[in-house]
Amino acid sequence: MQDPKYTAGEIAKLAWLTARMAKRGIASQTVYQGDLEKKFEKVIEGARKREEKQQQK
């Protein structure tokens, strides 16, 4: 599936989550990051739904 076009807010949120995951990765390779990965996927899924809704109009 193709990635949707992201809004500025979505890009900022994804960048923030990526930075947090990188920071945790630097701290230790065994640190749990599942919570951040879920948030990341939730932003992407929200963008897909928003784009799909806009295309239906």
PDB file of N, CA and C in Angstrom:
ATOM      1  N   MET A   1       0.837  -1.190   0.000  1.00  0.00           N
ATOM      2  CA  MET A   1       0.000   0.000   0.000  1.00  0.00           C
ATOM      3  C   MET A   1       0.877   1.247   0.000  1.00  0.00           C
ATOM      4  N   GLN A   2       0.452   2.225  -0.745  1.00  0.00           N
ATOM      5  CA  GLN A   2       1.203   3.466  -0.883  1.00  0.00           C
ATOM      6  C   GLN A   2       1.010   4.351   0.339  1.00  0.00           C
ATOM      7  N   ASP A   3       2.080   5.020   0.742  1.00  0.00           N
ATOM      8  CA  ASP A   3       1.979   5.940   1.873  1.00  0.00           C
ATOM      9  C   ASP A   3       1.162   7.164   1.479  1.00  0.00           C
ATOM     10  N   PRO A   4       0.350   7.662   2.390  1.00  0.00           N
ATOM     11  CA  PRO A   4      -0.460   8.848   2.095  1.00  0.00           C
ATOM     12  C   PRO A   4       0.381  10.116   2.152  1.00  0.00           C
ATOM     13  N   LYS A   5      -0.203  11.204   1.668  1.00  0.00           N
ATOM     14  CA  LYS A   5       0.441  12.507   1.830  1.00  0.00           C
ATOM     15  C   LYS A   5       0.165  12.954   3.258  1.00  0.00           C
ATOM     16  N   TYR A   6       1.211  13.336   3.959  1.00  0.00           N
ATOM     17  CA  TYR A   6       1.072  13.705   5.362  1.00  0.00           C
ATOM     18  C   TYR A   6       0.907  15.206   5.524  1.00  0.00           C
ATOM     19  N   THR A   7       0.165  15.590   6.556  1.00  0.00           N
ATOM     20  CA  THR A   7       0.047  16.998   6.906  1.00  0.00           C
ATOM     21  C   THR A   7       1.300  17.404   7.676  1.00  0.00           C
ATOM     22  N   ALA A   8       1.477  18.690   7.877  1.00  0.00           N
ATOM     23  CA  ALA A   8       2.644  19.178   8.626  1.00  0.00           C
ATOM     24  C   ALA A   8       2.632  18.630  10.050  1.00  0.00           C
ATOM     25  N   GLY A   9       1.464  18.550  10.651  1.00  0.00           N
ATOM     26  CA  GLY A   9       1.345  18.028  12.005  1.00  0.00           C
ATOM     27  C   GLY A   9       1.715  16.561  12.091  1.00  0.00           C
ATOM     28  N   GLU A  10       1.303  15.793  11.084  1.00  0.00           N
ATOM     29  CA  GLU A  10       1.636  14.366  11.060  1.00  0.00           C
ATOM     30  C   GLU A  10       3.130  14.159  10.856  1.00  0.00           C
ATOM     31  N   ILE A  11       3.734  14.955  10.006  1.00  0.00           N
ATOM     32  CA  ILE A  11       5.178  14.861   9.779  1.00  0.00           C
ATOM     33  C   ILE A  11       5.933  15.185  11.059  1.00  0.00           C
ATOM     34  N   ALA A  12       5.492  16.216  11.755  1.00  0.00           N
ATOM     35  CA  ALA A  12       6.143  16.596  13.010  1.00  0.00           C
ATOM     36  C   ALA A  12       6.016  15.486  14.055  1.00  0.00           C
ATOM     37  N   LYS A  13       4.844  14.895  14.146  1.00  0.00           N
ATOM     38  CA  LYS A  13       4.630  13.822  15.121  1.00  0.00           C
ATOM     39  C   LYS A  13       5.487  12.601  14.778  1.00  0.00           C
ATOM     40  N   LEU A  14       5.555  12.232  13.497  1.00  0.00           N
ATOM     41  CA  LEU A  14       6.380  11.103  13.088  1.00  0.00           C
ATOM     42  C   LEU A  14       7.859  11.374  13.357  1.00  0.00           C
ATOM     43  N   ALA A  15       8.299  12.600  13.116  1.00  0.00           N
ATOM     44  CA  ALA A  15       9.695  12.968  13.378  1.00  0.00           C
ATOM     45  C   ALA A  15       9.992  12.878  14.871  1.00  0.00           C
ATOM     46  N   TRP A  16       9.072  13.367  15.695  1.00  0.00           N
ATOM     47  CA  TRP A  16       9.241  13.319  17.144  1.00  0.00           C
ATOM     48  C   TRP A  16       9.333  11.872  17.635  1.00  0.00           C
ATOM     49  N   LEU A  17       8.435  11.021  17.140  1.00  0.00           N
ATOM     50  CA  LEU A  17       8.446   9.618  17.546  1.00  0.00           C
ATOM     51  C   LEU A  17       9.718   8.918  17.071  1.00  0.00           C
ATOM     52  N   THR A  18      10.178   9.233  15.878  1.00  0.00           N
ATOM     53  CA  THR A  18      11.413   8.657  15.354  1.00  0.00           C
ATOM     54  C   THR A  18      12.598   9.058  16.225  1.00  0.00           C
ATOM     55  N   ALA A  19      12.632  10.323  16.622  1.00  0.00           N
ATOM     56  CA  ALA A  19      13.717  10.797  17.483  1.00  0.00           C
ATOM     57  C   ALA A  19      13.691  10.094  18.841  1.00  0.00           C
ATOM     58  N   ARG A  20      12.510   9.902  19.388  1.00  0.00           N
ATOM     59  CA  ARG A  20      12.396   9.209  20.672  1.00  0.00           C
ATOM     60  C   ARG A  20      12.847   7.752  20.563  1.00  0.00           C
ATOM     61  N   MET A  21      12.490   7.102  19.441  1.00  0.00           N
ATOM     62  CA  MET A  21      12.925   5.718  19.237  1.00  0.00           C
ATOM     63  C   MET A  21      14.449   5.650  19.098  1.00  0.00           C
ATOM     64  N   ALA A  22      15.021   6.620  18.381  1.00  0.00           N
ATOM     65  CA  ALA A  22      16.477   6.653  18.220  1.00  0.00           C
ATOM     66  C   ALA A  22      17.158   6.871  19.570  1.00  0.00           C
ATOM     67  N   LYS A  23      16.612   7.749  20.372  1.00  0.00           N
ATOM     68  CA  LYS A  23      17.185   8.017  21.692  1.00  0.00           C
ATOM     69  C   LYS A  23      17.154   6.757  22.558  1.00  0.00           C
ATOM     70  N   ARG A  24      16.051   6.037  22.523  1.00  0.00           N
ATOM     71  CA  ARG A  24      15.959   4.787  23.280  1.00  0.00           C
ATOM     72  C   ARG A  24      16.931   3.747  22.734  1.00  0.00           C
ATOM     73  N   GLY A  25      17.093   3.727  21.416  1.00  0.00           N
ATOM     74  CA  GLY A  25      18.020   2.784  20.801  1.00  0.00           C
ATOM     75  C   GLY A  25      19.456   3.053  21.187  1.00  0.00           C
ATOM     76  N   ILE A  26      19.801   4.333  21.322  1.00  0.00           N
ATOM     77  CA  ILE A  26      21.145   4.696  21.752  1.00  0.00           C
ATOM     78  C   ILE A  26      21.370   4.268  23.201  1.00  0.00           C
ATOM     79  N   ALA A  27      20.334   4.399  24.019  1.00  0.00           N
ATOM     80  CA  ALA A  27      20.448   4.041  25.429  1.00  0.00           C
ATOM     81  C   ALA A  27      20.749   2.558  25.592  1.00  0.00           C
ATOM     82  N   SER A  28      20.066   1.726  24.818  1.00  0.00           N
ATOM     83  CA  SER A  28      20.276   0.287  24.908  1.00  0.00           C
ATOM     84  C   SER A  28      19.557  -0.399  23.757  1.00  0.00           C
ATOM     85  N   GLN A  29      20.154  -1.441  23.257  1.00  0.00           N
ATOM     86  CA  GLN A  29      19.539  -2.194  22.166  1.00  0.00           C
ATOM     87  C   GLN A  29      18.352  -3.021  22.636  1.00  0.00           C
ATOM     88  N   THR A  30      18.247  -3.260  23.928  1.00  0.00           N
ATOM     89  CA  THR A  30      17.193  -4.127  24.451  1.00  0.00           C
ATOM     90  C   THR A  30      16.012  -3.356  25.045  1.00  0.00           C
ATOM     91  N   VAL A  31      15.984  -2.035  24.887  1.00  0.00           N
ATOM     92  CA  VAL A  31      14.903  -1.220  25.431  1.00  0.00           C
ATOM     93  C   VAL A  31      13.623  -1.461  24.627  1.00  0.00           C
ATOM     94  N   TYR A  32      12.503  -1.586  25.327  1.00  0.00           N
ATOM     95  CA  TYR A  32      11.205  -1.814  24.685  1.00  0.00           C
ATOM     96  C   TYR A  32      10.757  -0.549  23.942  1.00  0.00           C
ATOM     97  N   GLN A  33      10.421  -0.696  22.671  1.00  0.00           N
ATOM     98  CA  GLN A  33       9.965   0.436  21.865  1.00  0.00           C
ATOM     99  C   GLN A  33       8.590   0.192  21.263  1.00  0.00           C
ATOM    100  N   GLY A  34       7.929  -0.851  21.681  1.00  0.00           N
ATOM    101  CA  GLY A  34       6.635  -1.201  21.120  1.00  0.00           C
ATOM    102  C   GLY A  34       5.598  -0.112  21.281  1.00  0.00           C
ATOM    103  N   ASP A  35       5.638   0.614  22.397  1.00  0.00           N
ATOM    104  CA  ASP A  35       4.666   1.684  22.610  1.00  0.00           C
ATOM    105  C   ASP A  35       4.830   2.794  21.584  1.00  0.00           C
ATOM    106  N   LEU A  36       6.082   3.155  21.287  1.00  0.00           N
ATOM    107  CA  LEU A  36       6.320   4.202  20.295  1.00  0.00           C
ATOM    108  C   LEU A  36       5.986   3.711  18.888  1.00  0.00           C
ATOM    109  N   GLU A  37       6.265   2.458  18.609  1.00  0.00           N
ATOM    110  CA  GLU A  37       5.945   1.894  17.300  1.00  0.00           C
ATOM    111  C   GLU A  37       4.440   1.880  17.065  1.00  0.00           C
ATOM    112  N   LYS A  38       3.667   1.578  18.108  1.00  0.00           N
ATOM    113  CA  LYS A  38       2.205   1.601  17.988  1.00  0.00           C
ATOM    114  C   LYS A  38       1.707   3.008  17.697  1.00  0.00           C
ATOM    115  N   LYS A  39       2.266   4.001  18.384  1.00  0.00           N
ATOM    116  CA  LYS A  39       1.872   5.396  18.147  1.00  0.00           C
ATOM    117  C   LYS A  39       2.225   5.806  16.718  1.00  0.00           C
ATOM    118  N   PHE A  40       3.398   5.380  16.241  1.00  0.00           N
ATOM    119  CA  PHE A  40       3.849   5.687  14.893  1.00  0.00           C
ATOM    120  C   PHE A  40       2.872   5.122  13.864  1.00  0.00           C
ATOM    121  N   GLU A  41       2.500   3.851  14.037  1.00  0.00           N
ATOM    122  CA  GLU A  41       1.552   3.209  13.127  1.00  0.00           C
ATOM    123  C   GLU A  41       0.172   3.860  13.196  1.00  0.00           C
ATOM    124  N   LYS A  42      -0.218   4.317  14.380  1.00  0.00           N
ATOM    125  CA  LYS A  42      -1.511   4.973  14.545  1.00  0.00           C
ATOM    126  C   LYS A  42      -1.563   6.284  13.753  1.00  0.00           C
ATOM    127  N   VAL A  43      -0.476   7.032  13.744  1.00  0.00           N
ATOM    128  CA  VAL A  43      -0.420   8.282  12.969  1.00  0.00           C
ATOM    129  C   VAL A  43      -0.531   7.971  11.476  1.00  0.00           C
ATOM    130  N   ILE A  44       0.177   6.947  11.024  1.00  0.00           N
ATOM    131  CA  ILE A  44       0.139   6.570   9.606  1.00  0.00           C
ATOM    132  C   ILE A  44      -1.259   6.101   9.217  1.00  0.00           C
ATOM    133  N   GLU A  45      -1.868   5.285  10.060  1.00  0.00           N
ATOM    134  CA  GLU A  45      -3.226   4.796   9.772  1.00  0.00           C
ATOM    135  C   GLU A  45      -4.224   5.956   9.738  1.00  0.00           C
ATOM    136  N   GLY A  46      -4.085   6.905  10.646  1.00  0.00           N
ATOM    137  CA  GLY A  46      -4.952   8.076  10.655  1.00  0.00           C
ATOM    138  C   GLY A  46      -4.809   8.888   9.380  1.00  0.00           C
ATOM    139  N   ALA A  47      -3.581   9.007   8.881  1.00  0.00           N
ATOM    140  CA  ALA A  47      -3.337   9.736   7.633  1.00  0.00           C
ATOM    141  C   ALA A  47      -3.985   9.012   6.454  1.00  0.00           C
ATOM    142  N   ARG A  48      -3.901   7.687   6.452  1.00  0.00           N
ATOM    143  CA  ARG A  48      -4.533   6.914   5.372  1.00  0.00           C
ATOM    144  C   ARG A  48      -6.039   7.100   5.377  1.00  0.00           C
ATOM    145  N   LYS A  49      -6.633   7.046   6.563  1.00  0.00           N
ATOM    146  CA  LYS A  49      -8.080   7.229   6.669  1.00  0.00           C
ATOM    147  C   LYS A  49      -8.495   8.629   6.244  1.00  0.00           C
ATOM    148  N   ARG A  50      -7.712   9.635   6.656  1.00  0.00           N
ATOM    149  CA  ARG A  50      -8.024  11.013   6.292  1.00  0.00           C
ATOM    150  C   ARG A  50      -7.957  11.188   4.784  1.00  0.00           C
ATOM    151  N   GLU A  51      -6.906  10.653   4.156  1.00  0.00           N
ATOM    152  CA  GLU A  51      -6.753  10.783   2.707  1.00  0.00           C
ATOM    153  C   GLU A  51      -7.874  10.044   1.974  1.00  0.00           C
ATOM    154  N   GLU A  52      -8.244   8.871   2.466  1.00  0.00           N
ATOM    155  CA  GLU A  52      -9.322   8.105   1.849  1.00  0.00           C
ATOM    156  C   GLU A  52     -10.646   8.882   1.929  1.00  0.00           C
ATOM    157  N   LYS A  53     -10.880   9.504   3.059  1.00  0.00           N
ATOM    158  CA  LYS A  53     -12.104  10.287   3.255  1.00  0.00           C
ATOM    159  C   LYS A  53     -12.120  11.493   2.311  1.00  0.00           C
ATOM    160  N   GLN A  54     -10.951  12.126   2.116  1.00  0.00           N
ATOM    161  CA  GLN A  54     -10.865  13.286   1.227  1.00  0.00           C
ATOM    162  C   GLN A  54     -11.093  12.880  -0.224  1.00  0.00           C
ATOM    163  N   GLN A  55     -10.665  11.692  -0.609  1.00  0.00           N
ATOM    164  CA  GLN A  55     -10.825  11.236  -1.989  1.00  0.00           C
ATOM    165  C   GLN A  55     -12.284  10.884  -2.301  1.00  0.00           C
ATOM    166  N   GLN A  56     -13.049  10.535  -1.279  1.00  0.00           N
ATOM    167  CA  GLN A  56     -14.445  10.188  -1.481  1.00  0.00           C
ATOM    168  C   GLN A  56     -15.308  11.420  -1.737  1.00  0.00           C
ATOM    169  N   LYS A  57     -14.822  12.583  -1.393  1.00  0.00           N
ATOM    170  CA  LYS A  57     -15.615  13.814  -1.585  1.00  0.00           C
ATOM    171  C   LYS A  57     -15.677  14.238  -3.018  1.00  0.00           C
TER     172      LYS A  57
END
